[in-house]
Amino acid sequence: MSVDYLEGKIIEYSKSLNDYIVNLRRKIHMYPELRFEEFKTSQLVLEELNSMGVDAVKVASTGVVGLIRGGSEGDVVALRADMDALPIQEENDVPYRSRVAGKMHACGHDAHVAMLLGAAKVLSKFKEHLRGSVKLIFQPAEEGGAGAERIVNEGVLNDVKAIYGIHVWAELPSGVIATRKGPMHASATSFMIRIKGLGGHAAHPELTKDPTAPAADIYNAIQKVVSRNIDPFTPIVISTPRMEGSNASNIIPDEVRIYGTLRTFDMSLRDKVLKRLEAVVKYYSLAWECEGSLELTEVSYPPVVNDPEHADFVLRIARKLGNVTEAPMSMGAEDFSYYLQKVRGAFIILGIRNEGKGIIYPHHHPKFDVDEDVLWKGTALHALLAYNYLKYGIT
């Protein structure tokens, strides 16, 4: 793939920044912060951007937006990194392991911040060659807090023509870049099933209205909604991994709660399935003289749907950095979807799986880690996308 003179300089400078990117990633990794608690992380971002001469402001409580103005007037393109960690106890035995008990960057957001700060350095160095401006969005609360929705609602994207985001990806070989046209990540809807009955002694279930009886039936019936009410060629997942009831073997509880998640790419199908689940919960509960209800919890994320032309543009530019492939559709959710509802763009994944280094664990695992040797590619891709979009558009 041909690379022009400035693209070559961008790639060369990005490679030279790998130690800077890795050191930043490790610093952030050691002090993880949960959604809307990213105070130290956002302060670090502000200090780094200020040191580069990049104008930056706080947004969405703990988010930061920087603006790099190019050498001539033009459009505005946005690049995004999320910043929050997860409530997971890290099990990696590495010098940069989390120093905060019960919290860990187990999804790679530390790498995202570091790669985008690296891109800020690159774009600042070559800003005179930019025909327009670049917004750098350091977003809080991707993990269930819909930080992206806050960013959009505060008007950050009102002048933006295109947006790109990169996520490190544990299932993709290290250094490979991927995206796809159209749907890429599913919607996510969290729910709780509440079954109310009458508790009592487990030795005398006949004196109770045992909510565990319909709970077992409802748990199994939910999967029949998938297998009997949905076209088998339609991607959909319903998982109910958490159940709460009695805390003793000889106590029948007054109430059982089942927590689950619904994933699909079709929001009208999502609504249809929720209605079906409501009926299943209500009538199975009534059959055992209990009262059942379905409640939505947390924030529901829409699906990530890439603009086809922007996806093609990303793959064309990414080939300048090495291997590319089409990303698989994923039932995992991402609040980058809110940005794509506002402006055109694409979500991208960068492979960080390296079996030779033992980097084999999936996202949200206590031993998740990233192959740091390829993080410069994320920086380079951010910078190349901004430079090329502002200079040529996506044609």
Protein backbone atom coordinates (compact mmCIF):
# COMPACT_ATOMS: atom_id res chain seq x y z
CA MET A 1 0.00 0.00 0.00
CA SER A 2 1.51 3.34 -1.06
CA VAL A 3 2.42 5.82 1.66
CA ASP A 4 3.02 9.50 0.91
CA TYR A 5 5.82 11.51 2.49
CA LEU A 6 3.81 12.93 5.42
CA GLU A 7 2.11 9.59 6.11
CA GLY A 8 5.57 8.05 6.34
CA LYS A 9 6.59 10.72 8.84
CA ILE A 10 3.42 10.11 10.89
CA ILE A 11 4.10 6.37 11.01
CA GLU A 12 7.79 6.87 11.85
CA TYR A 13 7.02 9.33 14.66
CA SER A 14 4.26 7.10 16.05
CA LYS A 15 6.72 4.19 16.28
CA SER A 16 9.20 6.41 18.10
CA LEU A 17 6.53 7.20 20.70
CA ASN A 18 5.93 3.59 21.74
CA ASP A 19 7.82 3.95 25.05
CA TYR A 20 5.81 7.10 25.81
CA ILE A 21 2.55 5.28 25.02
CA VAL A 22 3.49 2.19 27.06
CA ASN A 23 4.59 4.25 30.08
CA LEU A 24 1.31 6.18 30.01
CA ARG A 25 -0.70 3.00 29.71
CA ARG A 26 1.07 1.45 32.70
CA LYS A 27 0.65 4.58 34.82
CA ILE A 28 -3.10 4.56 34.11
CA HIS A 29 -3.28 0.80 34.60
CA MET A 30 -1.84 1.00 38.10
CA TYR A 31 -4.52 3.41 39.28
CA PRO A 32 -7.81 2.30 37.69
CA GLU A 33 -10.98 4.31 38.25
CA LEU A 34 -14.57 3.20 37.73
CA ARG A 35 -17.19 5.03 35.69
CA PHE A 36 -17.55 8.73 36.49
CA GLU A 37 -14.68 8.37 39.00
CA GLU A 38 -11.90 9.04 36.47
CA PHE A 39 -10.52 12.06 38.34
CA LYS A 40 -6.82 11.12 38.30
CA THR A 41 -7.03 9.85 34.74
CA SER A 42 -8.69 13.00 33.43
CA GLN A 43 -6.16 15.14 35.30
CA LEU A 44 -3.32 13.20 33.69
CA VAL A 45 -4.95 13.72 30.27
CA LEU A 46 -5.33 17.45 30.88
CA GLU A 47 -1.70 17.78 31.96
CA GLU A 48 -0.44 15.88 28.92
CA LEU A 49 -2.57 17.88 26.50
CA ASN A 50 -1.54 21.17 28.12
CA SER A 51 2.13 20.18 27.82
CA MET A 52 1.56 19.77 24.06
CA GLY A 53 -0.15 23.14 23.77
CA VAL A 54 -3.51 21.52 23.03
CA ASP A 55 -6.58 23.40 24.24
CA ALA A 56 -8.63 21.12 26.50
CA VAL A 57 -11.79 21.34 28.62
CA LYS A 58 -13.64 19.08 31.03
CA VAL A 59 -16.91 17.53 29.81
CA ALA A 60 -19.41 14.94 31.05
CA SER A 61 -18.24 15.28 34.66
CA THR A 62 -14.92 13.42 34.34
CA GLY A 63 -14.31 13.56 30.58
CA VAL A 64 -11.86 15.70 28.63
CA VAL A 65 -12.05 17.10 25.10
CA GLY A 66 -8.97 18.51 23.40
CA LEU A 67 -8.89 20.47 20.16
CA ILE A 68 -6.00 20.60 17.70
CA ARG A 69 -6.44 23.34 15.11
CA GLY A 70 -4.84 22.69 11.75
CA GLY A 71 -2.86 25.03 9.56
CA SER A 72 -5.88 25.88 7.41
CA GLU A 73 -9.65 25.97 7.77
CA GLY A 74 -11.70 22.85 7.17
CA ASP A 75 -13.92 20.23 8.75
CA VAL A 76 -13.70 18.82 12.27
CA VAL A 77 -12.96 15.13 12.77
CA ALA A 78 -13.20 13.46 16.19
CA LEU A 79 -11.15 10.64 17.73
CA ARG A 80 -12.36 8.90 20.87
CA ALA A 81 -10.85 6.94 23.77
CA ASP A 82 -12.76 5.67 26.80
CA MET A 83 -11.13 5.87 30.24
CA ASP A 84 -12.98 3.82 32.88
CA ALA A 85 -11.97 0.56 34.53
CA LEU A 86 -13.93 -2.40 35.94
CA PRO A 87 -14.70 -3.72 39.45
CA ILE A 88 -12.37 -6.71 39.04
CA GLN A 89 -9.45 -7.85 41.22
CA GLU A 90 -6.39 -8.16 38.99
CA GLU A 91 -4.51 -11.48 39.02
CA ASN A 92 -1.60 -10.58 36.73
CA ASP A 93 1.86 -10.74 38.30
CA VAL A 94 3.37 -7.74 36.51
CA PRO A 95 5.16 -4.61 37.80
CA TYR A 96 2.30 -2.40 36.62
CA ARG A 97 -0.53 -4.44 38.14
CA SER A 98 -3.42 -2.53 39.67
CA ARG A 99 -2.64 -0.94 43.02
CA VAL A 100 -6.30 -0.36 43.80
CA ALA A 101 -8.03 -3.32 45.42
CA GLY A 102 -11.01 -4.64 43.49
CA LYS A 103 -10.46 -2.41 40.45
CA MET A 104 -8.71 -3.20 37.19
CA HIS A 105 -8.33 -2.05 33.61
CA ALA A 106 -9.60 -5.40 32.30
CA CYS A 107 -10.93 -4.08 29.00
CA GLY A 108 -8.02 -2.06 27.65
CA HIS A 109 -9.30 1.46 28.21
CA ASP A 110 -5.91 2.37 29.69
CA ALA A 111 -4.39 1.52 26.31
CA HIS A 112 -7.04 3.57 24.53
CA VAL A 113 -6.17 6.69 26.51
CA ALA A 114 -2.45 6.18 25.95
CA MET A 115 -2.87 5.62 22.19
CA LEU A 116 -4.97 8.76 21.80
CA LEU A 117 -2.52 10.86 23.82
CA GLY A 118 0.17 9.52 21.51
CA ALA A 119 -1.94 10.62 18.55
CA ALA A 120 -2.28 14.06 20.14
CA LYS A 121 1.53 14.33 20.09
CA VAL A 122 1.69 13.24 16.46
CA LEU A 123 -1.09 15.55 15.28
CA SER A 124 0.35 18.48 17.25
CA LYS A 125 3.71 17.94 15.60
CA PHE A 126 2.17 17.97 12.11
CA LYS A 127 -0.78 20.29 12.73
CA GLU A 128 0.28 22.77 10.04
CA HIS A 129 -0.53 20.06 7.50
CA LEU A 130 -4.10 19.55 8.78
CA ARG A 131 -6.90 21.12 6.73
CA GLY A 132 -9.26 21.52 9.61
CA SER A 133 -9.34 20.53 13.27
CA VAL A 134 -9.23 17.35 15.34
CA LYS A 135 -11.29 16.82 18.50
CA LEU A 136 -9.79 14.38 20.96
CA ILE A 137 -12.54 12.87 23.11
CA PHE A 138 -11.42 11.20 26.34
CA GLN A 139 -14.71 9.73 27.49
CA PRO A 140 -15.78 8.54 30.94
CA ALA A 141 -18.13 5.71 31.83
CA GLU A 142 -18.26 3.41 28.83
CA GLU A 143 -18.76 0.43 31.14
CA GLY A 144 -22.48 0.76 31.77
CA GLY A 145 -22.61 4.50 32.36
CA ALA A 146 -23.30 5.67 28.79
CA GLY A 147 -20.63 8.35 28.98
CA ALA A 148 -20.87 8.73 25.21
CA GLU A 149 -24.51 9.77 25.51
CA ARG A 150 -23.46 12.48 27.96
CA ILE A 151 -20.82 13.69 25.52
CA VAL A 152 -23.36 13.88 22.69
CA ASN A 153 -25.99 15.61 24.84
CA GLU A 154 -23.47 18.28 25.86
CA GLY A 155 -23.02 19.22 22.20
CA VAL A 156 -19.43 18.06 21.75
CA LEU A 157 -20.22 16.56 18.33
CA ASN A 158 -22.32 19.45 17.01
CA ASP A 159 -19.55 20.64 14.67
CA VAL A 160 -18.02 17.22 13.98
CA LYS A 161 -18.25 15.69 10.49
CA ALA A 162 -16.81 12.25 11.22
CA ILE A 163 -15.71 10.20 14.24
CA TYR A 164 -13.47 7.17 14.77
CA GLY A 165 -12.75 5.06 17.82
CA ILE A 166 -10.25 2.23 18.37
CA HIS A 167 -10.65 -0.65 20.83
CA VAL A 168 -7.88 -3.15 21.58
CA TRP A 169 -9.21 -6.64 20.92
CA ALA A 170 -8.22 -9.84 22.74
CA GLU A 171 -9.60 -12.20 20.08
CA LEU A 172 -7.58 -10.72 17.21
CA PRO A 173 -3.88 -11.51 16.57
CA SER A 174 -1.55 -8.79 17.75
CA GLY A 175 -1.18 -5.89 15.33
CA VAL A 176 -4.07 -6.81 13.03
CA ILE A 177 -6.59 -3.99 12.44
CA ALA A 178 -10.24 -4.68 11.67
CA THR A 179 -13.62 -3.08 11.16
CA ARG A 180 -16.76 -3.86 9.17
CA LYS A 181 -19.54 -2.18 7.26
CA GLY A 182 -22.87 -1.82 9.03
CA PRO A 183 -23.72 -3.57 12.32
CA MET A 184 -20.64 -4.44 14.39
CA HIS A 185 -21.67 -4.55 18.07
CA ALA A 186 -25.05 -5.50 19.48
CA SER A 187 -27.38 -3.46 21.61
CA ALA A 188 -27.39 -4.24 25.34
CA THR A 189 -30.43 -4.15 27.60
CA SER A 190 -30.09 -5.15 31.24
CA PHE A 191 -33.12 -6.40 33.11
CA MET A 192 -34.23 -7.78 36.45
CA ILE A 193 -37.00 -10.31 36.97
CA ARG A 194 -38.68 -9.96 40.35
CA ILE A 195 -40.82 -12.83 41.68
CA LYS A 196 -42.69 -12.11 44.90
CA GLY A 197 -44.22 -14.87 46.99
CA LEU A 198 -44.50 -15.80 50.65
CA GLY A 199 -41.47 -17.23 52.39
CA GLY A 200 -41.18 -19.62 55.28
CA HIS A 201 -39.49 -22.75 56.56
CA ALA A 202 -38.12 -25.02 53.88
CA ALA A 203 -39.46 -28.03 55.78
CA HIS A 204 -43.02 -26.82 55.13
CA PRO A 205 -43.21 -25.50 51.54
CA GLU A 206 -46.99 -26.11 51.58
CA LEU A 207 -47.35 -23.16 53.97
CA THR A 208 -45.52 -20.82 51.59
CA LYS A 209 -45.90 -19.43 48.11
CA ASP A 210 -42.43 -20.43 47.04
CA PRO A 211 -40.99 -18.00 44.43
CA THR A 212 -38.13 -20.36 43.64
CA ALA A 213 -40.54 -22.74 41.88
CA PRO A 214 -41.53 -20.32 39.09
CA ALA A 215 -38.00 -18.89 39.07
CA ALA A 216 -36.63 -22.22 37.82
CA ASP A 217 -39.35 -22.47 35.18
CA ILE A 218 -38.83 -18.87 34.05
CA TYR A 219 -35.07 -19.38 33.79
CA ASN A 220 -35.61 -22.24 31.35
CA ALA A 221 -38.54 -20.63 29.53
CA ILE A 222 -36.46 -17.57 28.63
CA GLN A 223 -34.33 -19.69 26.30
CA LYS A 224 -37.48 -21.03 24.66
CA VAL A 225 -38.28 -17.44 23.65
CA VAL A 226 -35.02 -17.49 21.69
CA SER A 227 -35.50 -20.95 20.19
CA ARG A 228 -39.27 -20.76 19.49
CA ASN A 229 -40.15 -17.09 18.90
CA ILE A 230 -37.12 -15.80 16.96
CA ASP A 231 -35.96 -16.51 13.41
CA PRO A 232 -32.97 -18.88 13.86
CA PHE A 233 -30.90 -16.77 11.45
CA THR A 234 -31.31 -13.68 13.66
CA PRO A 235 -28.46 -13.00 16.10
CA ILE A 236 -29.79 -12.69 19.64
CA VAL A 237 -28.52 -13.59 23.10
CA ILE A 238 -30.36 -13.65 26.41
CA SER A 239 -28.23 -14.52 29.43
CA THR A 240 -29.37 -14.62 33.06
CA PRO A 241 -26.17 -15.23 35.04
CA ARG A 242 -27.20 -13.79 38.39
CA MET A 243 -29.91 -15.06 40.76
CA GLU A 244 -30.72 -13.93 44.29
CA GLY A 245 -33.04 -15.59 46.77
CA SER A 246 -32.53 -17.24 50.12
CA ASN A 247 -29.22 -17.17 51.92
CA ALA A 248 -29.82 -20.44 53.74
CA SER A 249 -30.75 -24.00 52.76
CA ASN A 250 -33.71 -24.15 55.15
CA ILE A 251 -35.34 -20.80 54.28
CA ILE A 252 -37.79 -20.19 51.45
CA PRO A 253 -37.47 -16.50 50.52
CA ASP A 254 -40.27 -13.99 50.05
CA GLU A 255 -38.68 -12.90 46.77
CA VAL A 256 -36.38 -14.16 44.03
CA ARG A 257 -34.54 -11.87 41.62
CA ILE A 258 -33.02 -12.92 38.31
CA TYR A 259 -30.69 -10.49 36.52
CA GLY A 260 -29.95 -10.74 32.84
CA THR A 261 -28.92 -9.09 29.60
CA LEU A 262 -30.54 -9.05 26.17
CA ARG A 263 -28.33 -8.54 23.10
CA THR A 264 -29.51 -8.01 19.52
CA PHE A 265 -28.86 -5.82 16.48
CA ASP A 266 -32.54 -5.02 15.89
CA MET A 267 -34.15 -2.61 18.36
CA SER A 268 -37.70 -3.49 17.23
CA LEU A 269 -36.89 -7.15 17.91
CA ARG A 270 -35.54 -6.16 21.30
CA ASP A 271 -38.88 -4.53 22.17
CA LYS A 272 -40.79 -7.58 20.94
CA VAL A 273 -38.67 -9.92 23.06
CA LEU A 274 -39.07 -7.76 26.16
CA LYS A 275 -42.86 -7.97 25.82
CA ARG A 276 -42.59 -11.74 25.46
CA LEU A 277 -40.40 -11.95 28.56
CA GLU A 278 -42.92 -9.87 30.51
CA ALA A 279 -45.66 -12.38 29.64
CA VAL A 280 -43.48 -15.36 30.55
CA VAL A 281 -42.60 -13.84 33.92
CA LYS A 282 -46.15 -12.77 34.74
CA TYR A 283 -47.95 -15.99 33.90
CA TYR A 284 -45.39 -18.50 35.16
CA SER A 285 -45.44 -16.59 38.46
CA LEU A 286 -49.23 -16.59 38.62
CA ALA A 287 -49.27 -20.35 38.09
CA TRP A 288 -47.47 -20.68 41.43
CA GLU A 289 -49.53 -18.00 43.21
CA CYS A 290 -46.71 -15.46 42.99
CA GLU A 291 -46.41 -12.03 41.44
CA GLY A 292 -43.81 -11.56 38.71
CA SER A 293 -42.50 -8.44 36.98
CA LEU A 294 -39.77 -7.46 34.52
CA GLU A 295 -37.81 -4.27 35.18
CA LEU A 296 -35.14 -2.64 33.02
CA THR A 297 -31.96 -1.76 34.88
CA GLU A 298 -28.94 0.38 34.00
CA VAL A 299 -28.70 2.09 30.60
CA SER A 300 -29.69 0.35 27.38
CA TYR A 301 -27.08 0.76 24.64
CA PRO A 302 -28.13 0.84 20.97
CA PRO A 303 -26.12 -1.25 18.47
CA VAL A 304 -22.91 0.03 16.90
CA VAL A 305 -23.59 0.50 13.18
CA ASN A 306 -20.64 1.67 11.10
CA ASP A 307 -21.12 3.86 8.06
CA PRO A 308 -20.10 1.62 5.08
CA GLU A 309 -18.08 4.31 3.32
CA HIS A 310 -16.19 5.19 6.48
CA ALA A 311 -15.49 1.49 7.16
CA ASP A 312 -13.98 1.17 3.68
CA PHE A 313 -11.95 4.32 4.31
CA VAL A 314 -10.60 2.91 7.59
CA LEU A 315 -9.52 -0.37 5.98
CA ARG A 316 -7.85 1.50 3.12
CA ILE A 317 -5.85 3.68 5.51
CA ALA A 318 -5.11 0.82 7.93
CA ARG A 319 -3.40 -1.18 5.18
CA LYS A 320 -0.58 1.36 5.37
CA LEU A 321 0.20 -0.13 8.81
CA GLY A 322 0.07 -3.84 7.95
CA ASN A 323 -2.49 -6.63 8.11
CA VAL A 324 -6.19 -5.79 8.07
CA THR A 325 -9.29 -7.94 8.09
CA GLU A 326 -13.05 -7.69 8.38
CA ALA A 327 -14.14 -7.57 12.00
CA PRO A 328 -16.66 -10.17 13.15
CA MET A 329 -20.04 -9.08 14.45
CA SER A 330 -19.97 -9.13 18.24
CA MET A 331 -22.76 -9.53 20.77
CA GLY A 332 -20.73 -7.32 23.08
CA ALA A 333 -22.01 -3.75 23.40
CA GLU A 334 -20.23 -0.39 23.11
CA ASP A 335 -21.55 3.08 23.77
CA PHE A 336 -19.65 4.36 20.73
CA SER A 337 -23.08 3.65 19.20
CA TYR A 338 -24.31 7.02 20.51
CA TYR A 339 -21.69 8.86 18.46
CA LEU A 340 -22.62 6.97 15.30
CA GLN A 341 -26.26 7.95 15.79
CA LYS A 342 -25.12 11.59 15.66
CA VAL A 343 -22.42 11.62 12.95
CA ARG A 344 -20.96 9.23 10.39
CA GLY A 345 -17.89 7.25 11.27
CA ALA A 346 -16.57 3.82 12.19
CA PHE A 347 -15.53 1.75 15.19
CA ILE A 348 -12.24 -0.14 14.82
CA ILE A 349 -10.48 -2.95 16.66
CA LEU A 350 -6.73 -3.51 17.08
CA GLY A 351 -5.58 -7.03 17.86
CA ILE A 352 -3.50 -7.50 21.01
CA ARG A 353 -3.55 -11.31 21.41
CA ASN A 354 -0.05 -12.80 21.61
CA GLU A 355 0.16 -16.42 22.70
CA GLY A 356 3.97 -16.30 22.79
CA LYS A 357 3.74 -13.68 25.54
CA GLY A 358 0.89 -15.43 27.35
CA ILE A 359 -1.53 -12.65 26.41
CA ILE A 360 -4.49 -14.94 25.80
CA TYR A 361 -7.19 -13.92 28.27
CA PRO A 362 -10.47 -12.33 27.18
CA HIS A 363 -11.79 -8.91 28.05
CA HIS A 364 -13.18 -8.57 31.61
CA HIS A 365 -10.94 -11.42 32.85
CA PRO A 366 -8.71 -10.83 35.91
CA LYS A 367 -5.67 -11.85 33.82
CA PHE A 368 -6.49 -9.68 30.80
CA ASP A 369 -3.47 -7.86 29.39
CA VAL A 370 -2.38 -6.26 26.11
CA ASP A 371 0.60 -6.68 23.79
CA GLU A 372 2.13 -3.26 24.33
CA ASP A 373 4.45 -3.59 21.33
CA VAL A 374 1.60 -2.80 18.92
CA LEU A 375 0.05 0.17 20.71
CA TRP A 376 1.94 2.57 18.45
CA LYS A 377 -0.28 1.27 15.63
CA GLY A 378 -3.34 2.65 17.41
CA THR A 379 -1.63 6.01 17.69
CA ALA A 380 -0.58 5.94 14.03
CA LEU A 381 -4.05 4.90 12.85
CA HIS A 382 -5.74 7.69 14.81
CA ALA A 383 -3.36 10.23 13.27
CA LEU A 384 -3.55 8.84 9.73
CA LEU A 385 -7.34 8.79 9.79
CA ALA A 386 -7.54 12.40 10.94
CA TYR A 387 -4.92 13.61 8.46
CA ASN A 388 -6.41 11.79 5.47
CA TYR A 389 -10.02 12.62 6.27
CA LEU A 390 -9.28 16.32 6.61
CA LYS A 391 -7.17 16.36 3.44
CA TYR A 392 -9.14 14.13 1.09
CA GLY A 393 -12.43 13.15 2.75
CA ILE A 394 -13.40 9.49 2.38
CA THR A 395 -13.56 9.30 -1.40
